[in-house]
């Protein structure tokens, strides 16, 4: 059969593996988010620090090529806590009642990206569900550009609700939506077969 795309393998990533391949993962982040190489380079130190946070977990998507398996998507997260930059930004963006209901004990989906060449094949959904599967936390939280993107539609379709919209994070001119979902996520709907 011609024109078919090989299936990707989605798996949990050992923390040491991700540390060793962080540049590779962040290149995907830059492509998916449309960030310049200087922004991506500046993210490296933070990403390595994230791997040391309580509850850290990472997943990756790989496709087979003639040269071996290649990382085409990844996601990671950890427990949110006061004093973390993202937690404190989100706490300030939410009203008191919403923050009290959602932030304590939540898992932050910090990064979840699929290389643009491999998007629209269900990999984002597979990565999201693999990342939060079996977590013992009450909720998952994330932020995503506040626009009608594939990612935004994916999160809403998989049980995430709006906690805040049009939030501006320092260092990024785009508005972001802050979303939350109670865990466990509902199982993903089956994808129609594509030929």
N, C-alpha and C. Protein backbone atom coordinates (compact mmCIF):
# COMPACT_ATOMS: atom_id res chain seq x y z
N UNK A 1 0.86 -1.17 0.00
CA UNK A 1 0.00 0.00 0.00
C UNK A 1 0.90 1.23 0.00
N UNK A 2 0.65 2.17 -0.89
CA UNK A 2 1.49 3.36 -0.96
C UNK A 2 0.80 4.52 -0.25
N UNK A 3 1.62 5.50 0.16
CA UNK A 3 1.07 6.68 0.79
C UNK A 3 0.68 6.51 2.24
N UNK A 4 1.00 5.38 2.83
CA UNK A 4 0.65 5.19 4.24
C UNK A 4 1.79 5.67 5.12
N UNK A 5 1.43 6.01 6.34
CA UNK A 5 2.41 6.48 7.31
C UNK A 5 2.63 5.39 8.33
N UNK A 6 3.89 5.07 8.64
CA UNK A 6 4.11 4.02 9.64
C UNK A 6 3.58 4.47 10.99
N UNK A 7 3.08 3.51 11.75
CA UNK A 7 2.55 3.81 13.08
C UNK A 7 3.69 4.24 13.99
N UNK A 8 3.38 5.13 14.91
CA UNK A 8 4.36 5.58 15.89
C UNK A 8 4.27 4.71 17.13
N UNK A 9 5.37 4.60 17.80
CA UNK A 9 5.42 3.90 19.09
C UNK A 9 5.45 4.96 20.19
N UNK A 10 4.46 4.91 21.09
CA UNK A 10 4.38 5.85 22.21
C UNK A 10 4.74 5.10 23.47
N UNK A 11 5.66 5.66 24.24
CA UNK A 11 6.15 4.97 25.43
C UNK A 11 6.56 5.97 26.50
N UNK A 12 6.57 5.50 27.74
CA UNK A 12 7.09 6.33 28.82
C UNK A 12 8.61 6.43 28.66
N UNK A 13 9.15 7.60 28.92
CA UNK A 13 10.59 7.84 28.77
C UNK A 13 11.28 7.86 30.13
N UNK A 14 12.36 7.13 30.28
CA UNK A 14 13.15 7.27 31.50
C UNK A 14 13.68 8.71 31.59
N UNK A 15 13.70 9.24 32.79
CA UNK A 15 14.15 10.63 32.99
C UNK A 15 15.56 10.84 32.45
N UNK A 16 16.46 9.90 32.69
CA UNK A 16 17.83 10.05 32.19
C UNK A 16 17.87 10.09 30.66
N UNK A 17 17.02 9.31 30.00
CA UNK A 17 16.98 9.34 28.54
C UNK A 17 16.57 10.73 28.06
N UNK A 18 15.52 11.28 28.68
CA UNK A 18 15.06 12.60 28.24
C UNK A 18 16.13 13.66 28.48
N UNK A 19 16.81 13.59 29.62
CA UNK A 19 17.90 14.55 29.86
C UNK A 19 18.96 14.46 28.76
N UNK A 20 19.31 13.24 28.38
CA UNK A 20 20.33 13.04 27.35
C UNK A 20 19.86 13.48 25.96
N UNK A 21 18.54 13.53 25.74
CA UNK A 21 17.99 13.88 24.43
C UNK A 21 17.16 15.16 24.48
N UNK A 22 17.41 16.02 25.47
CA UNK A 22 16.59 17.22 25.63
C UNK A 22 16.71 18.17 24.44
N UNK A 23 17.89 18.29 23.86
CA UNK A 23 18.03 19.17 22.69
C UNK A 23 17.14 18.69 21.55
N UNK A 24 17.09 17.39 21.35
CA UNK A 24 16.26 16.78 20.32
C UNK A 24 14.77 17.06 20.59
N UNK A 25 14.36 16.89 21.85
CA UNK A 25 12.97 17.15 22.23
C UNK A 25 12.63 18.62 22.05
N UNK A 26 13.53 19.50 22.48
CA UNK A 26 13.24 20.93 22.39
C UNK A 26 13.23 21.43 20.95
N UNK A 27 13.92 20.76 20.06
CA UNK A 27 13.82 21.12 18.64
C UNK A 27 12.38 20.89 18.15
N UNK A 28 11.75 19.80 18.61
CA UNK A 28 10.35 19.54 18.28
C UNK A 28 9.46 20.63 18.87
N UNK A 29 9.73 21.00 20.12
CA UNK A 29 9.00 22.08 20.80
C UNK A 29 9.07 23.36 19.97
N UNK A 30 10.26 23.73 19.50
CA UNK A 30 10.42 24.94 18.72
C UNK A 30 9.64 24.90 17.41
N UNK A 31 9.71 23.76 16.72
CA UNK A 31 8.98 23.61 15.46
C UNK A 31 7.47 23.68 15.69
N UNK A 32 7.00 22.98 16.72
CA UNK A 32 5.56 22.92 16.98
C UNK A 32 4.99 24.26 17.43
N UNK A 33 5.77 25.01 18.19
CA UNK A 33 5.29 26.28 18.74
C UNK A 33 5.66 27.49 17.88
N UNK A 34 6.51 27.27 16.89
CA UNK A 34 6.92 28.39 16.05
C UNK A 34 7.89 29.34 16.73
N UNK A 35 8.68 28.82 17.66
CA UNK A 35 9.65 29.65 18.38
C UNK A 35 10.98 29.69 17.64
N UNK A 36 11.69 30.78 17.81
CA UNK A 36 13.01 30.94 17.20
C UNK A 36 14.02 30.05 17.92
N UNK A 37 15.14 29.73 17.25
CA UNK A 37 16.18 28.93 17.89
C UNK A 37 16.70 29.56 19.19
N UNK A 38 16.72 30.89 19.30
CA UNK A 38 17.20 31.51 20.53
C UNK A 38 16.25 31.26 21.70
N UNK A 39 14.95 31.27 21.43
CA UNK A 39 13.97 30.96 22.47
C UNK A 39 14.13 29.51 22.91
N UNK A 40 14.28 28.62 21.94
CA UNK A 40 14.45 27.19 22.25
C UNK A 40 15.71 26.97 23.06
N UNK A 41 16.80 27.59 22.68
CA UNK A 41 18.07 27.43 23.42
C UNK A 41 17.92 27.91 24.85
N UNK A 42 17.18 28.99 25.05
CA UNK A 42 16.97 29.52 26.40
C UNK A 42 16.11 28.62 27.27
N UNK A 43 15.40 27.71 26.66
CA UNK A 43 14.50 26.81 27.40
C UNK A 43 15.23 25.60 27.98
N UNK A 44 16.40 25.30 27.47
CA UNK A 44 17.10 24.06 27.84
C UNK A 44 17.32 23.94 29.36
N UNK A 45 17.88 24.95 29.97
CA UNK A 45 18.17 24.88 31.41
C UNK A 45 16.92 24.65 32.24
N UNK A 46 15.83 25.34 31.86
CA UNK A 46 14.57 25.15 32.60
C UNK A 46 14.05 23.73 32.44
N UNK A 47 14.14 23.22 31.22
CA UNK A 47 13.63 21.87 30.97
C UNK A 47 14.41 20.83 31.77
N UNK A 48 15.72 20.99 31.85
CA UNK A 48 16.51 20.06 32.65
C UNK A 48 16.11 20.17 34.12
N UNK A 49 15.89 21.38 34.62
CA UNK A 49 15.44 21.55 36.01
C UNK A 49 14.09 20.89 36.25
N UNK A 50 13.22 20.94 35.27
CA UNK A 50 11.90 20.33 35.42
C UNK A 50 12.01 18.83 35.69
N UNK A 51 13.01 18.17 35.15
CA UNK A 51 13.14 16.72 35.33
C UNK A 51 13.41 16.34 36.79
N UNK A 52 13.76 17.32 37.60
CA UNK A 52 14.06 17.06 39.02
C UNK A 52 12.86 17.33 39.93
N UNK A 53 11.75 17.74 39.38
CA UNK A 53 10.58 18.10 40.20
C UNK A 53 9.82 16.86 40.64
N UNK A 54 9.17 16.93 41.80
CA UNK A 54 8.38 15.79 42.27
C UNK A 54 7.30 15.41 41.27
N UNK A 55 7.11 14.11 41.11
CA UNK A 55 6.08 13.60 40.22
C UNK A 55 6.43 13.67 38.75
N UNK A 56 7.70 13.95 38.42
CA UNK A 56 8.07 14.10 37.00
C UNK A 56 7.78 12.82 36.23
N UNK A 57 7.21 13.00 35.05
CA UNK A 57 6.93 11.87 34.15
C UNK A 57 7.03 12.37 32.71
N UNK A 58 7.58 11.54 31.82
CA UNK A 58 7.73 11.92 30.42
C UNK A 58 7.33 10.77 29.51
N UNK A 59 6.85 11.13 28.32
CA UNK A 59 6.49 10.17 27.30
C UNK A 59 7.04 10.65 25.96
N UNK A 60 7.24 9.71 25.05
CA UNK A 60 7.74 10.06 23.73
C UNK A 60 7.05 9.24 22.65
N UNK A 61 7.04 9.81 21.44
CA UNK A 61 6.52 9.11 20.27
C UNK A 61 7.67 8.95 19.28
N UNK A 62 7.85 7.73 18.78
CA UNK A 62 8.95 7.40 17.88
C UNK A 62 8.40 6.79 16.60
N UNK A 63 9.05 7.11 15.49
CA UNK A 63 8.74 6.43 14.22
C UNK A 63 10.02 5.78 13.72
N UNK A 64 9.83 4.69 13.01
CA UNK A 64 10.96 3.95 12.44
C UNK A 64 11.36 4.59 11.12
N UNK A 65 12.65 4.82 10.96
CA UNK A 65 13.19 5.34 9.70
C UNK A 65 14.29 4.38 9.24
N UNK A 66 14.81 4.55 8.04
CA UNK A 66 15.92 3.69 7.60
C UNK A 66 17.15 3.79 8.53
N UNK A 67 17.28 4.91 9.26
CA UNK A 67 18.40 5.09 10.18
C UNK A 67 18.08 4.70 11.62
N UNK A 68 16.90 4.13 11.85
CA UNK A 68 16.50 3.76 13.21
C UNK A 68 15.33 4.60 13.68
N UNK A 69 14.97 4.42 14.94
CA UNK A 69 13.84 5.16 15.50
C UNK A 69 14.20 6.63 15.72
N UNK A 70 13.22 7.49 15.44
CA UNK A 70 13.40 8.93 15.59
C UNK A 70 12.28 9.47 16.47
N UNK A 71 12.63 10.33 17.42
CA UNK A 71 11.64 11.00 18.27
C UNK A 71 10.88 12.01 17.44
N UNK A 72 9.54 11.93 17.42
CA UNK A 72 8.72 12.88 16.67
C UNK A 72 7.72 13.62 17.54
N UNK A 73 7.65 13.25 18.81
CA UNK A 73 6.76 13.92 19.74
C UNK A 73 7.13 13.56 21.16
N UNK A 74 6.80 14.45 22.09
CA UNK A 74 7.10 14.16 23.49
C UNK A 74 6.17 14.98 24.37
N UNK A 75 6.10 14.55 25.61
CA UNK A 75 5.36 15.31 26.62
C UNK A 75 5.96 15.02 27.97
N UNK A 76 5.86 16.00 28.86
CA UNK A 76 6.27 15.74 30.24
C UNK A 76 5.51 16.66 31.18
N UNK A 77 5.53 16.29 32.43
CA UNK A 77 4.87 17.08 33.46
C UNK A 77 5.32 16.66 34.83
N UNK A 78 4.75 17.31 35.82
CA UNK A 78 5.12 17.09 37.22
C UNK A 78 4.06 17.73 38.11
N UNK A 79 4.19 17.55 39.40
CA UNK A 79 3.27 18.14 40.36
C UNK A 79 3.49 19.64 40.44
N UNK A 80 2.40 20.39 40.41
CA UNK A 80 2.53 21.84 40.58
C UNK A 80 2.69 22.15 42.06
N UNK A 81 3.39 23.22 42.35
CA UNK A 81 3.61 23.62 43.74
C UNK A 81 3.88 25.11 43.81
N UNK A 82 3.46 25.76 44.91
CA UNK A 82 3.78 27.17 45.08
C UNK A 82 5.29 27.40 44.97
N UNK A 83 5.65 28.52 44.35
CA UNK A 83 7.05 28.83 44.13
C UNK A 83 7.54 28.47 42.75
N UNK A 84 6.82 27.56 42.06
CA UNK A 84 7.14 27.28 40.67
C UNK A 84 6.59 28.42 39.81
N UNK A 85 7.35 28.81 38.80
CA UNK A 85 6.96 29.95 37.98
C UNK A 85 5.56 29.77 37.40
N UNK A 86 5.30 28.63 36.75
CA UNK A 86 4.00 28.42 36.11
C UNK A 86 2.88 28.42 37.14
N UNK A 87 3.07 27.70 38.24
CA UNK A 87 2.05 27.67 39.30
C UNK A 87 1.70 29.08 39.74
N UNK A 88 2.71 29.90 40.00
CA UNK A 88 2.44 31.23 40.53
C UNK A 88 1.79 32.13 39.49
N UNK A 89 2.16 31.98 38.23
CA UNK A 89 1.50 32.74 37.16
C UNK A 89 0.02 32.34 37.05
N UNK A 90 -0.24 31.03 37.11
CA UNK A 90 -1.61 30.55 36.99
C UNK A 90 -2.42 30.94 38.22
N UNK A 91 -1.81 30.83 39.39
CA UNK A 91 -2.52 31.22 40.62
C UNK A 91 -2.98 32.67 40.53
N UNK A 92 -2.15 33.54 39.99
CA UNK A 92 -2.51 34.95 39.85
C UNK A 92 -3.60 35.16 38.79
N UNK A 93 -3.67 34.27 37.81
CA UNK A 93 -4.65 34.42 36.73
C UNK A 93 -6.04 33.91 37.11
N UNK A 94 -6.10 33.00 38.09
CA UNK A 94 -7.37 32.39 38.46
C UNK A 94 -8.01 33.12 39.63
N UNK A 95 -9.33 33.10 39.67
CA UNK A 95 -9.98 33.63 40.87
C UNK A 95 -9.71 32.67 42.03
N UNK A 96 -9.85 33.16 43.21
CA UNK A 96 -9.47 32.41 44.42
C UNK A 96 -10.16 31.05 44.51
N UNK A 97 -11.43 31.03 44.22
CA UNK A 97 -12.20 29.79 44.33
C UNK A 97 -11.72 28.75 43.31
N UNK A 98 -11.49 29.18 42.06
CA UNK A 98 -11.01 28.26 41.02
C UNK A 98 -9.63 27.74 41.37
N UNK A 99 -8.76 28.61 41.84
CA UNK A 99 -7.41 28.19 42.22
C UNK A 99 -7.46 27.16 43.34
N UNK A 100 -8.29 27.38 44.32
CA UNK A 100 -8.39 26.45 45.46
C UNK A 100 -8.96 25.09 45.01
N UNK A 101 -9.82 25.12 44.02
CA UNK A 101 -10.44 23.89 43.55
C UNK A 101 -9.51 23.08 42.65
N UNK A 102 -8.64 23.75 41.88
CA UNK A 102 -7.87 23.05 40.86
C UNK A 102 -6.39 22.88 41.14
N UNK A 103 -5.76 23.83 41.79
CA UNK A 103 -4.29 23.76 41.90
C UNK A 103 -3.74 22.73 42.89
N UNK A 104 -4.31 22.58 44.09
CA UNK A 104 -3.68 21.66 45.04
C UNK A 104 -3.58 20.22 44.52
N UNK A 105 -2.37 19.69 44.52
CA UNK A 105 -2.13 18.30 44.13
C UNK A 105 -2.27 18.02 42.66
N UNK A 106 -2.33 19.06 41.81
CA UNK A 106 -2.53 18.85 40.38
C UNK A 106 -1.22 18.53 39.67
N UNK A 107 -1.36 17.86 38.55
CA UNK A 107 -0.25 17.52 37.67
C UNK A 107 -0.24 18.51 36.53
N UNK A 108 0.89 19.19 36.31
CA UNK A 108 1.00 20.12 35.20
C UNK A 108 1.51 19.38 33.96
N UNK A 109 0.74 19.42 32.90
CA UNK A 109 1.22 18.97 31.60
C UNK A 109 2.05 20.14 31.07
N UNK A 110 3.34 20.09 31.37
CA UNK A 110 4.23 21.22 31.09
C UNK A 110 4.51 21.35 29.61
N UNK A 111 4.84 20.26 28.96
CA UNK A 111 5.13 20.26 27.53
C UNK A 111 4.45 19.07 26.89
N UNK A 112 3.87 19.31 25.71
CA UNK A 112 3.27 18.24 24.91
C UNK A 112 3.31 18.72 23.46
N UNK A 113 4.21 18.13 22.67
CA UNK A 113 4.45 18.64 21.33
C UNK A 113 4.68 17.50 20.35
N UNK A 114 4.16 17.68 19.14
CA UNK A 114 4.38 16.75 18.04
C UNK A 114 4.97 17.56 16.90
N UNK A 115 6.02 17.03 16.29
CA UNK A 115 6.63 17.72 15.16
C UNK A 115 5.56 17.96 14.09
N UNK A 116 5.54 19.15 13.47
CA UNK A 116 4.50 19.44 12.47
C UNK A 116 4.37 18.40 11.36
N UNK A 117 5.45 17.74 10.98
CA UNK A 117 5.38 16.71 9.94
C UNK A 117 4.61 15.48 10.38
N UNK A 118 4.34 15.36 11.68
CA UNK A 118 3.67 14.16 12.21
C UNK A 118 2.37 14.50 12.92
N UNK A 119 1.89 15.72 12.77
CA UNK A 119 0.63 16.12 13.39
C UNK A 119 -0.56 15.60 12.60
N UNK A 120 -1.72 15.67 13.23
CA UNK A 120 -3.00 15.25 12.63
C UNK A 120 -3.05 13.75 12.37
N UNK A 121 -2.33 12.99 13.19
CA UNK A 121 -2.34 11.52 13.08
C UNK A 121 -2.71 10.86 14.41
N UNK A 122 -3.15 11.66 15.36
CA UNK A 122 -3.54 11.12 16.65
C UNK A 122 -2.42 11.01 17.66
N UNK A 123 -1.21 11.46 17.31
CA UNK A 123 -0.08 11.32 18.24
C UNK A 123 -0.23 12.21 19.47
N UNK A 124 -0.75 13.42 19.29
CA UNK A 124 -0.93 14.31 20.45
C UNK A 124 -1.84 13.67 21.48
N UNK A 125 -2.93 13.09 21.00
CA UNK A 125 -3.88 12.43 21.90
C UNK A 125 -3.23 11.22 22.59
N UNK A 126 -2.48 10.42 21.81
CA UNK A 126 -1.80 9.26 22.41
C UNK A 126 -0.81 9.71 23.48
N UNK A 127 -0.04 10.74 23.18
CA UNK A 127 0.93 11.24 24.16
C UNK A 127 0.24 11.77 25.41
N UNK A 128 -0.82 12.54 25.23
CA UNK A 128 -1.54 13.09 26.38
C UNK A 128 -2.06 11.98 27.28
N UNK A 129 -2.72 11.00 26.69
CA UNK A 129 -3.29 9.92 27.50
C UNK A 129 -2.21 9.06 28.14
N UNK A 130 -1.11 8.82 27.43
CA UNK A 130 -0.01 8.06 28.03
C UNK A 130 0.62 8.82 29.19
N UNK A 131 0.71 10.14 29.06
CA UNK A 131 1.34 10.95 30.10
C UNK A 131 0.54 10.93 31.40
N UNK A 132 -0.78 10.98 31.31
CA UNK A 132 -1.58 11.09 32.54
C UNK A 132 -2.20 9.76 32.98
N UNK A 133 -2.00 8.69 32.22
CA UNK A 133 -2.59 7.40 32.56
C UNK A 133 -2.11 6.91 33.92
N UNK A 134 -3.05 6.56 34.77
CA UNK A 134 -2.73 5.97 36.06
C UNK A 134 -2.16 6.92 37.09
N UNK A 135 -2.14 8.21 36.82
CA UNK A 135 -1.60 9.15 37.81
C UNK A 135 -2.51 9.22 39.03
N UNK A 136 -1.93 9.34 40.23
CA UNK A 136 -2.74 9.36 41.43
C UNK A 136 -3.18 10.77 41.84
N UNK A 137 -3.24 11.70 40.89
CA UNK A 137 -3.55 13.09 41.21
C UNK A 137 -4.97 13.42 40.79
N UNK A 138 -5.59 14.43 41.43
CA UNK A 138 -6.99 14.71 41.12
C UNK A 138 -7.23 15.39 39.78
N UNK A 139 -6.21 16.10 39.27
CA UNK A 139 -6.44 16.89 38.06
C UNK A 139 -5.14 17.07 37.29
N UNK A 140 -5.31 17.36 36.00
CA UNK A 140 -4.20 17.76 35.14
C UNK A 140 -4.50 19.18 34.67
N UNK A 141 -3.47 20.00 34.65
CA UNK A 141 -3.59 21.39 34.22
C UNK A 141 -2.59 21.66 33.11
N UNK A 142 -2.90 22.62 32.25
CA UNK A 142 -1.96 23.02 31.19
C UNK A 142 -2.33 24.39 30.69
N UNK A 143 -1.41 24.97 29.93
CA UNK A 143 -1.70 26.20 29.22
C UNK A 143 -1.36 25.98 27.75
N UNK A 144 -2.13 26.61 26.88
CA UNK A 144 -1.95 26.46 25.44
C UNK A 144 -2.34 27.76 24.77
N UNK A 145 -1.74 28.10 23.63
CA UNK A 145 -2.15 29.33 22.97
C UNK A 145 -3.67 29.40 22.81
N UNK A 146 -4.23 30.56 23.15
CA UNK A 146 -5.68 30.76 23.17
C UNK A 146 -6.14 31.09 21.76
N UNK A 147 -6.25 30.03 20.96
CA UNK A 147 -6.60 30.16 19.57
C UNK A 147 -7.22 28.85 19.13
N UNK A 148 -7.92 28.85 18.02
CA UNK A 148 -8.55 27.62 17.53
C UNK A 148 -7.51 26.76 16.83
N UNK A 149 -6.64 26.13 17.64
CA UNK A 149 -5.58 25.28 17.12
C UNK A 149 -5.97 23.81 17.27
N UNK A 150 -5.20 22.93 16.62
CA UNK A 150 -5.42 21.50 16.78
C UNK A 150 -5.26 21.10 18.25
N UNK A 151 -4.25 21.67 18.91
CA UNK A 151 -4.01 21.33 20.31
C UNK A 151 -5.18 21.77 21.18
N UNK A 152 -5.66 22.98 20.96
CA UNK A 152 -6.77 23.50 21.76
C UNK A 152 -8.00 22.60 21.60
N UNK A 153 -8.30 22.22 20.36
CA UNK A 153 -9.45 21.34 20.11
C UNK A 153 -9.24 19.97 20.74
N UNK A 154 -8.02 19.45 20.67
CA UNK A 154 -7.71 18.16 21.29
C UNK A 154 -8.00 18.20 22.79
N UNK A 155 -7.49 19.21 23.48
CA UNK A 155 -7.67 19.27 24.93
C UNK A 155 -9.15 19.36 25.30
N UNK A 156 -9.91 20.18 24.60
CA UNK A 156 -11.34 20.28 24.91
C UNK A 156 -12.05 18.97 24.62
N UNK A 157 -11.69 18.31 23.53
CA UNK A 157 -12.33 17.04 23.19
C UNK A 157 -12.02 15.95 24.21
N UNK A 158 -10.89 16.08 24.90
CA UNK A 158 -10.47 15.04 25.85
C UNK A 158 -10.75 15.42 27.31
N UNK A 159 -11.68 16.32 27.53
CA UNK A 159 -12.17 16.57 28.88
C UNK A 159 -11.63 17.79 29.58
N UNK A 160 -10.77 18.56 28.95
CA UNK A 160 -10.26 19.77 29.59
C UNK A 160 -11.29 20.90 29.45
N UNK A 161 -11.38 21.71 30.51
CA UNK A 161 -12.31 22.84 30.54
C UNK A 161 -11.50 24.12 30.75
N UNK A 162 -12.09 25.24 30.35
CA UNK A 162 -11.44 26.54 30.51
C UNK A 162 -11.42 26.95 31.98
N UNK A 163 -10.24 27.29 32.46
CA UNK A 163 -10.11 27.88 33.80
C UNK A 163 -9.84 29.38 33.68
N UNK A 164 -9.12 29.78 32.66
CA UNK A 164 -8.88 31.20 32.36
C UNK A 164 -8.57 31.31 30.87
N UNK A 165 -8.98 32.41 30.27
CA UNK A 165 -8.71 32.66 28.86
C UNK A 165 -7.98 33.99 28.73
N UNK A 166 -7.29 34.14 27.61
CA UNK A 166 -6.61 35.39 27.26
C UNK A 166 -5.58 35.82 28.31
N UNK A 167 -4.89 34.83 28.88
CA UNK A 167 -3.85 35.14 29.87
C UNK A 167 -2.52 35.40 29.16
N UNK A 168 -1.81 36.39 29.61
CA UNK A 168 -0.50 36.73 29.01
C UNK A 168 0.60 36.31 29.97
N UNK A 169 1.43 35.36 29.52
CA UNK A 169 2.61 34.97 30.28
C UNK A 169 3.75 35.91 29.92
N UNK A 170 4.58 36.31 30.88
CA UNK A 170 5.73 37.14 30.55
C UNK A 170 6.63 36.43 29.53
N UNK A 171 7.11 37.19 28.56
CA UNK A 171 8.03 36.63 27.57
C UNK A 171 7.37 36.06 26.34
N UNK A 172 6.01 36.06 26.27
CA UNK A 172 5.31 35.58 25.09
C UNK A 172 4.16 36.54 24.82
N UNK A 173 4.11 37.08 23.63
CA UNK A 173 3.10 38.09 23.32
C UNK A 173 1.71 37.50 23.05
N UNK A 174 1.65 36.18 22.84
CA UNK A 174 0.36 35.56 22.52
C UNK A 174 -0.49 35.36 23.77
N UNK A 175 -1.82 35.44 23.61
CA UNK A 175 -2.69 35.06 24.74
C UNK A 175 -2.73 33.55 24.89
N UNK A 176 -2.84 33.09 26.13
CA UNK A 176 -2.92 31.66 26.43
C UNK A 176 -4.21 31.35 27.18
N UNK A 177 -4.69 30.13 27.00
CA UNK A 177 -5.80 29.60 27.79
C UNK A 177 -5.20 28.67 28.84
N UNK A 178 -5.75 28.71 30.02
CA UNK A 178 -5.37 27.79 31.10
C UNK A 178 -6.52 26.80 31.24
N UNK A 179 -6.20 25.53 31.08
CA UNK A 179 -7.21 24.48 31.04
C UNK A 179 -6.96 23.46 32.15
N UNK A 180 -8.03 22.80 32.58
CA UNK A 180 -7.91 21.75 33.58
C UNK A 180 -8.85 20.60 33.26
N UNK A 181 -8.45 19.41 33.69
CA UNK A 181 -9.30 18.21 33.53
C UNK A 181 -9.17 17.36 34.78
N UNK A 182 -10.26 16.81 35.20
CA UNK A 182 -10.24 15.86 36.30
C UNK A 182 -9.68 14.53 35.80
N UNK A 183 -8.87 13.89 36.63
CA UNK A 183 -8.30 12.60 36.27
C UNK A 183 -9.06 11.48 36.96
N UNK A 184 -9.16 10.31 36.31
CA UNK A 184 -8.58 9.97 35.00
C UNK A 184 -9.37 10.61 33.86
N UNK A 185 -8.67 10.84 32.75
CA UNK A 185 -9.34 11.34 31.55
C UNK A 185 -10.27 10.26 31.02
N UNK A 186 -11.36 10.67 30.37
CA UNK A 186 -12.19 9.66 29.70
C UNK A 186 -11.39 9.01 28.58
N UNK A 187 -11.66 7.74 28.28
CA UNK A 187 -10.92 7.09 27.20
C UNK A 187 -11.11 7.85 25.89
N UNK A 188 -10.07 7.91 25.06
CA UNK A 188 -10.22 8.61 23.78
C UNK A 188 -11.19 7.88 22.87
N UNK A 189 -11.92 8.67 22.10
CA UNK A 189 -12.83 8.08 21.11
C UNK A 189 -12.00 7.38 20.04
N UNK A 190 -12.49 6.27 19.52
CA UNK A 190 -11.74 5.58 18.45
C UNK A 190 -11.61 6.49 17.23
N UNK A 191 -10.45 6.43 16.60
CA UNK A 191 -10.21 7.20 15.38
C UNK A 191 -10.72 6.41 14.18
N UNK A 192 -11.35 7.10 13.23
CA UNK A 192 -11.77 6.37 12.02
C UNK A 192 -10.52 5.91 11.25
N UNK A 193 -10.64 4.75 10.63
CA UNK A 193 -9.53 4.24 9.81
C UNK A 193 -9.30 5.18 8.64
N UNK A 194 -8.00 5.40 8.35
CA UNK A 194 -7.66 6.22 7.19
C UNK A 194 -6.93 5.36 6.19
N UNK A 195 -7.30 5.52 4.91
CA UNK A 195 -6.60 4.77 3.87
C UNK A 195 -5.94 5.70 2.91
